[in-house]
Amino acid sequence: MQATRTPIALSIAGSDPSGGAGIEGDLKTFSALGVYGGAVVTAITAQNTKGVFGIHTVPADFIAAQINAVFTDLDIGAVKIGMLGSAAAVDVVGAALDRYRPRHVVLDPVMVASSGDRLLPAEAMTRLPALIARAHLVTPNLHEAAALLDVAAARNEDEMHAQAQKLLALGVGAVLIKGGHGVGPESVDLLLEPNGESRFAAPRLPTKNTHGTGCALAAAIAAGLAKGRSLVEAVREAKAYVGAAIAAADRLAVGSGRGPLHHFHAWW
């Protein structure tokens, strides 16, 4: 008997040895949502729940070799791009997207860790707009959207909407601007597409254990797209998954800083 097609998602990101974010967090998210995960490592970090203590970037030609190896063998349904770590990595990933034309590309513009440590050098920032234009969805939080546009962070939904429109003008297929760093009883995310807008709201949860939430959301969206969900469905399901993972985070006893969300909350 022929096996049905296995949904496969690929993470192109940095490694987090503490397991909450980056490649490790993405693979956990893919697995929790029933998707086979591949991984291309762009940087090796020395980090834990308390901070980032060092970054070793992978040479661009070896990032390209990893991508080539995966795309010439696996049927990639969706790509999630996270921490790239260098301008050369931004360029080589953009070239790979041009070459392989994956069906779905979710770009999480990782610039700063939840601990406040910078993960993308300033020289690479100027390369990001060209990569954003190649993506089907970009998922900045309030601070990342502000940095990409060189403006102050949005303070309300009207300002979030205006900034999302400016990001959409860069050529990306859709923008999901995340309100997790905002204030108020609800965390609101806005999804802007060329022909419509969707609003996703969830209660703001009182926990410090949010390490890896941005990675998990983008990975969960990629997992949904790899399974054939529409973009709106994938975002809605991802938002619900991450909300439940944050709500269950205090069930974990991991580290002494900002602990990780509970990727396997539905299974443990």
Protein backbone atom coordinates (compact mmCIF):
# COMPACT_ATOMS: atom_id res chain seq x y z
CA MET A 1 0.00 0.00 0.00
CA GLN A 2 1.17 3.51 -0.79
CA ALA A 3 1.53 5.78 2.24
CA THR A 4 -0.39 9.03 2.23
CA ARG A 5 1.73 12.15 1.84
CA THR A 6 3.47 13.13 5.06
CA PRO A 7 3.19 16.86 5.78
CA ILE A 8 6.72 18.27 6.13
CA ALA A 9 7.81 21.66 7.42
CA LEU A 10 11.36 23.01 7.40
CA SER A 11 12.82 25.33 10.02
CA ILE A 12 15.70 27.57 8.96
CA ALA A 13 16.87 29.09 12.22
CA GLY A 14 19.43 29.22 15.00
CA SER A 15 19.92 26.63 17.71
CA ASP A 16 18.83 27.17 21.32
CA PRO A 17 20.62 24.62 23.52
CA SER A 18 18.14 25.19 26.34
CA GLY A 19 15.43 23.80 24.06
CA GLY A 20 12.74 26.47 24.30
CA ALA A 21 13.21 28.48 21.11
CA GLY A 22 14.94 28.29 17.73
CA ILE A 23 15.41 25.02 15.90
CA GLU A 24 14.68 22.98 19.01
CA GLY A 25 11.44 24.80 19.74
CA ASP A 26 10.35 24.64 16.10
CA LEU A 27 10.86 20.89 15.89
CA LYS A 28 8.86 20.42 19.09
CA THR A 29 6.06 22.53 17.65
CA PHE A 30 6.00 20.65 14.36
CA SER A 31 5.92 17.32 16.20
CA ALA A 32 3.18 18.44 18.60
CA LEU A 33 1.02 19.40 15.62
CA GLY A 34 1.55 16.21 13.64
CA VAL A 35 4.04 17.49 11.08
CA TYR A 36 7.44 16.01 10.22
CA GLY A 37 10.14 18.61 10.78
CA GLY A 38 13.41 19.27 9.00
CA ALA A 39 16.01 21.76 10.20
CA VAL A 40 18.68 23.96 8.65
CA VAL A 41 20.93 25.51 11.31
CA THR A 42 22.04 29.08 10.65
CA ALA A 43 23.71 29.83 13.99
CA ILE A 44 24.73 28.11 17.19
CA THR A 45 23.99 30.04 20.34
CA ALA A 46 25.09 29.70 23.94
CA GLN A 47 21.89 30.60 25.75
CA ASN A 48 19.48 29.53 28.46
CA THR A 49 16.37 30.92 30.10
CA LYS A 50 18.40 33.79 31.56
CA GLY A 51 20.08 35.16 28.45
CA VAL A 52 22.28 34.75 25.39
CA PHE A 53 26.00 34.42 26.12
CA GLY A 54 27.45 33.82 22.67
CA ILE A 55 26.58 33.36 18.99
CA HIS A 56 28.56 31.38 16.42
CA THR A 57 27.20 31.88 12.90
CA VAL A 58 27.28 29.05 10.37
CA PRO A 59 29.16 29.92 7.14
CA ALA A 60 26.80 30.92 4.35
CA ASP A 61 28.03 28.22 1.96
CA PHE A 62 27.24 25.55 4.54
CA ILE A 63 23.77 26.98 5.14
CA ALA A 64 23.26 26.68 1.37
CA ALA A 65 24.54 23.08 1.43
CA GLN A 66 22.03 22.17 4.14
CA ILE A 67 19.16 23.77 2.22
CA ASN A 68 20.16 22.03 -1.01
CA ALA A 69 20.37 18.66 0.73
CA VAL A 70 16.88 19.02 2.18
CA PHE A 71 15.10 20.42 -0.88
CA THR A 72 16.56 17.87 -3.27
CA ASP A 73 15.14 15.03 -1.18
CA LEU A 74 12.16 16.08 0.96
CA ASP A 75 8.79 17.36 -0.23
CA ILE A 76 8.72 20.55 1.84
CA GLY A 77 5.19 21.81 2.41
CA ALA A 78 6.16 24.97 4.28
CA VAL A 79 9.28 26.80 5.41
CA LYS A 80 9.60 28.71 8.66
CA ILE A 81 12.52 31.15 8.80
CA GLY A 82 13.71 32.39 12.18
CA MET A 83 17.07 33.65 13.43
CA LEU A 84 19.53 34.10 10.58
CA GLY A 85 22.37 35.73 12.49
CA SER A 86 24.29 37.41 9.67
CA ALA A 87 23.86 39.43 6.48
CA ALA A 88 25.40 36.57 4.49
CA ALA A 89 22.79 34.17 5.87
CA VAL A 90 19.98 36.53 4.84
CA ASP A 91 21.37 36.64 1.30
CA VAL A 92 21.90 32.90 0.92
CA VAL A 93 18.44 32.04 2.26
CA GLY A 94 16.89 34.55 -0.15
CA ALA A 95 18.76 32.95 -3.06
CA ALA A 96 17.55 29.51 -1.96
CA LEU A 97 13.93 30.69 -1.90
CA ASP A 98 14.36 31.96 -5.45
CA ARG A 99 15.80 28.62 -6.51
CA TYR A 100 13.36 26.20 -4.86
CA ARG A 101 10.18 28.30 -4.71
CA PRO A 102 8.64 26.58 -1.65
CA ARG A 103 4.84 26.57 -1.49
CA HIS A 104 4.67 28.52 1.75
CA VAL A 105 7.28 30.70 3.51
CA VAL A 106 6.65 32.07 7.01
CA LEU A 107 9.28 34.60 8.05
CA ASP A 108 9.68 35.44 11.74
CA PRO A 109 12.06 38.44 11.68
CA VAL A 110 14.02 37.47 14.79
CA MET A 111 16.18 40.39 15.90
CA VAL A 112 16.17 40.29 19.69
CA ALA A 113 15.73 37.39 22.12
CA SER A 114 13.04 37.51 24.82
CA SER A 115 15.90 38.19 27.26
CA GLY A 116 16.68 41.41 25.35
CA ASP A 117 19.87 40.11 23.71
CA ARG A 118 20.41 41.11 20.06
CA LEU A 119 20.37 38.19 17.60
CA LEU A 120 20.74 40.01 14.27
CA PRO A 121 23.58 42.46 13.56
CA ALA A 122 22.70 45.91 12.29
CA GLU A 123 24.30 45.23 8.88
CA ALA A 124 21.86 42.39 8.28
CA MET A 125 18.86 44.63 8.97
CA THR A 126 19.28 46.38 5.63
CA ARG A 127 18.98 42.99 3.85
CA LEU A 128 15.71 41.94 5.52
CA PRO A 129 13.28 43.88 3.29
CA ALA A 130 14.44 41.89 0.25
CA LEU A 131 13.85 38.64 2.15
CA ILE A 132 10.46 39.83 3.40
CA ALA A 133 9.43 40.42 -0.22
CA ARG A 134 10.05 36.72 -0.93
CA ALA A 135 7.88 35.49 1.96
CA HIS A 136 4.21 34.58 1.96
CA LEU A 137 3.80 35.73 5.57
CA VAL A 138 5.92 37.84 7.92
CA THR A 139 5.19 37.70 11.68
CA PRO A 140 6.80 40.65 13.52
CA ASN A 141 6.00 41.58 17.09
CA LEU A 142 5.45 45.25 17.93
CA HIS A 143 9.15 45.98 18.45
CA GLU A 144 10.25 44.10 15.32
CA ALA A 145 7.69 45.89 13.15
CA ALA A 146 8.89 49.23 14.53
CA ALA A 147 12.53 48.34 13.86
CA LEU A 148 11.79 47.27 10.29
CA LEU A 149 10.02 50.55 9.61
CA ASP A 150 12.30 52.73 11.77
CA VAL A 151 9.36 54.12 13.75
CA ALA A 152 8.08 53.94 17.33
CA ALA A 153 6.33 50.76 18.42
CA ALA A 154 2.57 50.71 17.86
CA ARG A 155 0.50 51.60 20.93
CA ASN A 156 -2.95 50.54 19.70
CA GLU A 157 -4.68 48.57 16.97
CA ASP A 158 -4.94 51.54 14.63
CA GLU A 159 -1.17 52.01 14.72
CA MET A 160 -0.64 48.24 14.35
CA HIS A 161 -2.86 48.31 11.26
CA ALA A 162 -0.97 51.25 9.76
CA GLN A 163 2.41 49.59 10.31
CA ALA A 164 1.17 46.29 8.90
CA GLN A 165 0.06 48.11 5.75
CA LYS A 166 3.53 49.60 5.36
CA LEU A 167 5.12 46.16 5.75
CA LEU A 168 2.66 44.73 3.23
CA ALA A 169 3.89 47.35 0.77
CA LEU A 170 7.35 45.72 0.87
CA GLY A 171 5.93 42.94 -1.31
CA VAL A 172 5.20 40.21 1.23
CA GLY A 173 2.06 38.13 0.74
CA ALA A 174 0.60 38.88 4.18
CA VAL A 175 1.56 40.44 7.52
CA LEU A 176 0.71 39.14 10.98
CA ILE A 177 1.61 41.87 13.47
CA LYS A 178 1.59 40.45 16.99
CA GLY A 179 0.41 42.36 20.04
CA GLY A 180 1.89 40.16 22.74
CA HIS A 181 4.18 42.96 23.90
CA GLY A 182 1.29 45.40 24.18
CA VAL A 183 -0.91 46.23 27.15
CA GLY A 184 -4.47 45.51 28.16
CA PRO A 185 -6.45 42.39 29.06
CA GLU A 186 -6.23 40.93 25.56
CA SER A 187 -3.31 40.06 23.30
CA VAL A 188 -4.44 41.04 19.79
CA ASP A 189 -2.78 39.98 16.54
CA LEU A 190 -3.77 41.52 13.21
CA LEU A 191 -3.45 39.63 9.92
CA LEU A 192 -3.38 41.84 6.83
CA GLU A 193 -3.65 40.39 3.35
CA PRO A 194 -3.97 42.43 0.14
CA ASN A 195 -7.73 41.80 0.09
CA GLY A 196 -8.69 41.56 3.73
CA GLU A 197 -7.94 41.71 7.42
CA SER A 198 -8.49 39.29 10.32
CA ARG A 199 -8.28 39.97 14.04
CA PHE A 200 -7.19 37.33 16.55
CA ALA A 201 -7.59 38.06 20.25
CA ALA A 202 -6.81 36.00 23.34
CA PRO A 203 -6.63 36.76 27.07
CA ARG A 204 -3.25 38.10 28.18
CA LEU A 205 -1.81 35.44 30.52
CA PRO A 206 0.10 36.36 33.70
CA THR A 207 3.30 34.30 33.37
CA LYS A 208 6.99 35.02 32.90
CA ASN A 209 7.46 31.70 31.09
CA THR A 210 7.19 32.90 27.50
CA HIS A 211 10.59 31.89 26.10
CA GLY A 212 10.12 30.77 22.50
CA THR A 213 6.57 32.01 21.94
CA GLY A 214 7.37 33.90 18.73
CA CYS A 215 9.22 30.90 17.31
CA ALA A 216 6.36 28.58 18.24
CA LEU A 217 3.69 30.75 16.65
CA ALA A 218 5.50 31.03 13.31
CA ALA A 219 6.33 27.31 13.37
CA ALA A 220 2.73 26.42 14.19
CA ILE A 221 1.49 28.52 11.26
CA ALA A 222 3.98 26.76 8.97
CA ALA A 223 2.77 23.40 10.30
CA GLY A 224 -0.83 24.32 9.49
CA LEU A 225 0.09 25.44 5.98
CA ALA A 226 2.04 22.21 5.44
CA LYS A 227 -1.15 20.30 6.35
CA GLY A 228 -3.13 22.22 3.76
CA ARG A 229 -4.85 24.77 5.96
CA SER A 230 -5.72 28.19 4.57
CA LEU A 231 -3.67 31.07 5.94
CA VAL A 232 -6.48 32.29 8.20
CA GLU A 233 -7.11 28.76 9.50
CA ALA A 234 -3.41 28.19 10.08
CA VAL A 235 -3.06 31.45 12.04
CA ARG A 236 -6.20 30.78 14.11
CA GLU A 237 -5.06 27.26 15.02
CA ALA A 238 -1.52 28.45 15.75
CA LYS A 239 -2.79 31.21 18.02
CA ALA A 240 -4.89 28.67 19.96
CA TYR A 241 -1.95 26.25 20.23
CA VAL A 242 0.47 28.89 21.53
CA GLY A 243 -2.11 30.28 23.95
CA ALA A 244 -2.64 26.84 25.44
CA ALA A 245 1.13 26.24 25.55
CA ILE A 246 1.64 29.51 27.46
CA ALA A 247 -1.22 28.72 29.82
CA ALA A 248 0.44 25.38 30.60
CA ALA A 249 3.98 26.80 30.87
CA ASP A 250 3.91 26.98 34.65
CA ARG A 251 3.45 23.20 34.74
CA LEU A 252 7.08 22.97 33.61
CA ALA A 253 10.02 23.54 35.94
CA VAL A 254 12.73 24.47 33.45
CA GLY A 255 15.49 26.97 34.23
CA SER A 256 15.54 29.91 36.60
CA GLY A 257 14.82 32.73 34.15
CA ARG A 258 12.09 33.18 31.56
CA GLY A 259 11.05 29.56 31.13
CA PRO A 260 9.72 28.03 27.91
CA LEU A 261 6.11 27.57 26.92
CA HIS A 262 4.86 23.96 27.12
CA HIS A 263 5.09 22.70 23.53
CA PHE A 264 3.64 19.29 24.44
CA HIS A 265 0.88 20.52 26.78
CA ALA A 266 -1.68 18.33 25.04
CA TRP A 267 0.44 15.18 25.31
CA TRP A 268 2.11 15.15 28.72
